[in-house]
Amino acid sequence: AVVSTQSTGRPGVGSLLNEARLAGINNLRTYCDDAVEVLKQCVPDGSLARVQIYFPDPWHKKRHHKRRLIQPAFIESIRPKLEIGGIIHLATDWENYAEQMLEVMNAAEGFENLASDHSYSPRPDF
């Protein structure tokens, strides 16, 4: 079933639900909430094969970098949610953030860069 935890009045949510309905997708849940809280409270351990985080807010100013989503603590909170062999796929169009993402992931325990250490993967087909 398509489930929304909030009103579909928020921009994008109604469109998402409509596109899912039109595509016949019936195993989708949407959350209009903070990703950290959804992960913590709603996602069982070992239940995800892949986590895709595309273009999170880059918080351009250096003094705001601490607000970036991709931080060691957040990546550590994802690890138990992944099944064995699960994948985190990150993408950004901000070079400085890409460098930070790579640094965080290379230092994260229990992960391996499938493109090789200190390297970026090509854009996937999915």
Protein backbone atom coordinates (compact mmCIF):
# COMPACT_ATOMS: atom_id res chain seq x y z
CA ALA A 1 0.00 0.00 0.00
CA VAL A 2 1.06 3.55 -0.58
CA VAL A 3 1.38 5.21 2.80
CA SER A 4 1.97 8.85 3.64
CA THR A 5 2.66 9.90 7.21
CA GLN A 6 1.64 13.49 6.56
CA SER A 7 -0.88 15.42 4.52
CA THR A 8 -0.29 15.30 0.79
CA GLY A 9 -0.60 19.10 0.78
CA ARG A 10 3.18 19.49 0.92
CA PRO A 11 4.76 20.25 -2.44
CA GLY A 12 6.00 17.12 -4.15
CA VAL A 13 4.31 14.55 -1.94
CA GLY A 14 1.00 14.54 -3.82
CA SER A 15 2.85 14.38 -7.11
CA LEU A 16 4.96 11.48 -5.84
CA LEU A 17 1.90 9.54 -4.72
CA ASN A 18 0.11 10.20 -8.01
CA GLU A 19 3.13 9.07 -10.06
CA ALA A 20 3.42 5.93 -7.94
CA ARG A 21 -0.28 5.17 -8.49
CA LEU A 22 0.01 5.73 -12.24
CA ALA A 23 3.07 3.47 -12.39
CA GLY A 24 1.29 0.73 -10.43
CA ILE A 25 3.75 0.94 -7.54
CA ASN A 26 2.11 -0.43 -4.42
CA ASN A 27 5.01 -0.96 -2.03
CA LEU A 28 5.94 2.66 -1.31
CA ARG A 29 5.97 4.60 1.93
CA THR A 30 6.55 8.32 2.02
CA TYR A 31 7.58 10.35 5.03
CA CYS A 32 7.55 14.12 5.31
CA ASP A 33 10.00 14.14 8.17
CA ASP A 34 13.66 14.31 9.03
CA ALA A 35 15.57 11.40 7.45
CA VAL A 36 17.52 10.80 10.66
CA GLU A 37 14.29 10.35 12.66
CA VAL A 38 12.60 8.17 10.03
CA LEU A 39 15.66 5.92 9.92
CA LYS A 40 15.79 5.66 13.69
CA GLN A 41 12.08 5.14 14.37
CA CYS A 42 10.58 3.51 11.27
CA VAL A 43 13.19 1.32 9.55
CA PRO A 44 13.90 -2.13 11.03
CA ASP A 45 17.48 -3.36 11.25
CA GLY A 46 18.65 -5.47 8.31
CA SER A 47 15.69 -4.44 6.15
CA LEU A 48 17.34 -2.34 3.41
CA ALA A 49 19.24 -3.67 0.41
CA ARG A 50 20.20 -0.18 -0.77
CA VAL A 51 20.07 3.37 0.54
CA GLN A 52 20.18 6.05 -2.15
CA ILE A 53 20.80 9.63 -1.05
CA TYR A 54 20.84 11.99 -3.99
CA PHE A 55 21.75 15.65 -3.77
CA PRO A 56 21.33 16.35 -0.07
CA ASP A 57 21.60 20.01 0.89
CA PRO A 58 25.31 20.87 0.52
CA TRP A 59 25.27 23.68 3.12
CA HIS A 60 27.77 25.69 1.11
CA LYS A 61 29.15 27.94 3.84
CA LYS A 62 31.97 26.35 5.81
CA ARG A 63 30.40 27.31 9.14
CA HIS A 64 27.31 25.28 8.13
CA HIS A 65 29.14 22.09 7.05
CA LYS A 66 28.22 20.54 10.41
CA ARG A 67 24.59 20.54 9.19
CA ARG A 68 25.32 18.33 6.21
CA LEU A 69 23.44 15.02 6.28
CA ILE A 70 26.43 12.87 5.34
CA GLN A 71 28.35 12.82 8.60
CA PRO A 72 30.01 9.87 10.38
CA ALA A 73 27.18 9.51 12.93
CA PHE A 74 24.49 9.38 10.24
CA ILE A 75 26.37 6.80 8.17
CA GLU A 76 26.89 4.73 11.33
CA SER A 77 23.13 4.85 11.95
CA ILE A 78 22.48 3.47 8.44
CA ARG A 79 24.82 0.48 8.80
CA PRO A 80 22.55 -1.68 11.01
CA LYS A 81 19.56 -0.92 8.76
CA LEU A 82 21.29 -2.49 5.75
CA GLU A 83 21.17 -6.18 5.04
CA ILE A 84 24.54 -7.94 4.78
CA GLY A 85 26.10 -6.74 1.52
CA GLY A 86 23.77 -3.71 1.38
CA ILE A 87 24.83 -0.59 -0.48
CA ILE A 88 24.80 3.12 0.25
CA HIS A 89 24.81 5.17 -2.93
CA LEU A 90 25.45 8.91 -2.56
CA ALA A 91 25.39 11.63 -5.20
CA THR A 92 26.01 15.36 -5.17
CA ASP A 93 26.86 18.00 -7.72
CA TRP A 94 28.90 19.99 -5.22
CA GLU A 95 32.60 19.01 -5.46
CA ASN A 96 33.47 19.93 -1.87
CA TYR A 97 30.57 17.83 -0.56
CA ALA A 98 31.60 14.91 -2.79
CA GLU A 99 35.05 15.04 -1.25
CA GLN A 100 33.55 15.04 2.25
CA MET A 101 31.22 12.15 1.38
CA LEU A 102 34.16 10.11 0.11
CA GLU A 103 36.17 10.92 3.23
CA VAL A 104 33.29 9.94 5.53
CA MET A 105 32.60 6.69 3.69
CA ASN A 106 36.27 5.68 3.47
CA ALA A 107 36.56 6.12 7.24
CA ALA A 108 33.27 4.35 8.05
CA GLU A 109 33.66 0.94 9.65
CA GLY A 110 32.02 -1.95 7.83
CA PHE A 111 31.87 -0.33 4.38
CA GLU A 112 33.92 -0.83 1.24
CA ASN A 113 34.10 1.57 -1.70
CA LEU A 114 33.04 -0.52 -4.68
CA ALA A 115 34.90 1.85 -7.02
CA SER A 116 38.09 1.41 -4.95
CA ASP A 117 39.34 3.60 -2.14
CA HIS A 118 39.47 7.32 -2.83
CA SER A 119 37.58 6.93 -6.11
CA TYR A 120 34.13 7.82 -7.40
CA SER A 121 31.71 5.46 -9.16
CA PRO A 122 30.22 6.29 -12.55
CA ARG A 123 26.53 7.24 -12.67
CA PRO A 124 24.44 4.04 -12.37
CA ASP A 125 21.78 2.90 -14.84
CA PHE A 126 18.99 2.84 -12.25
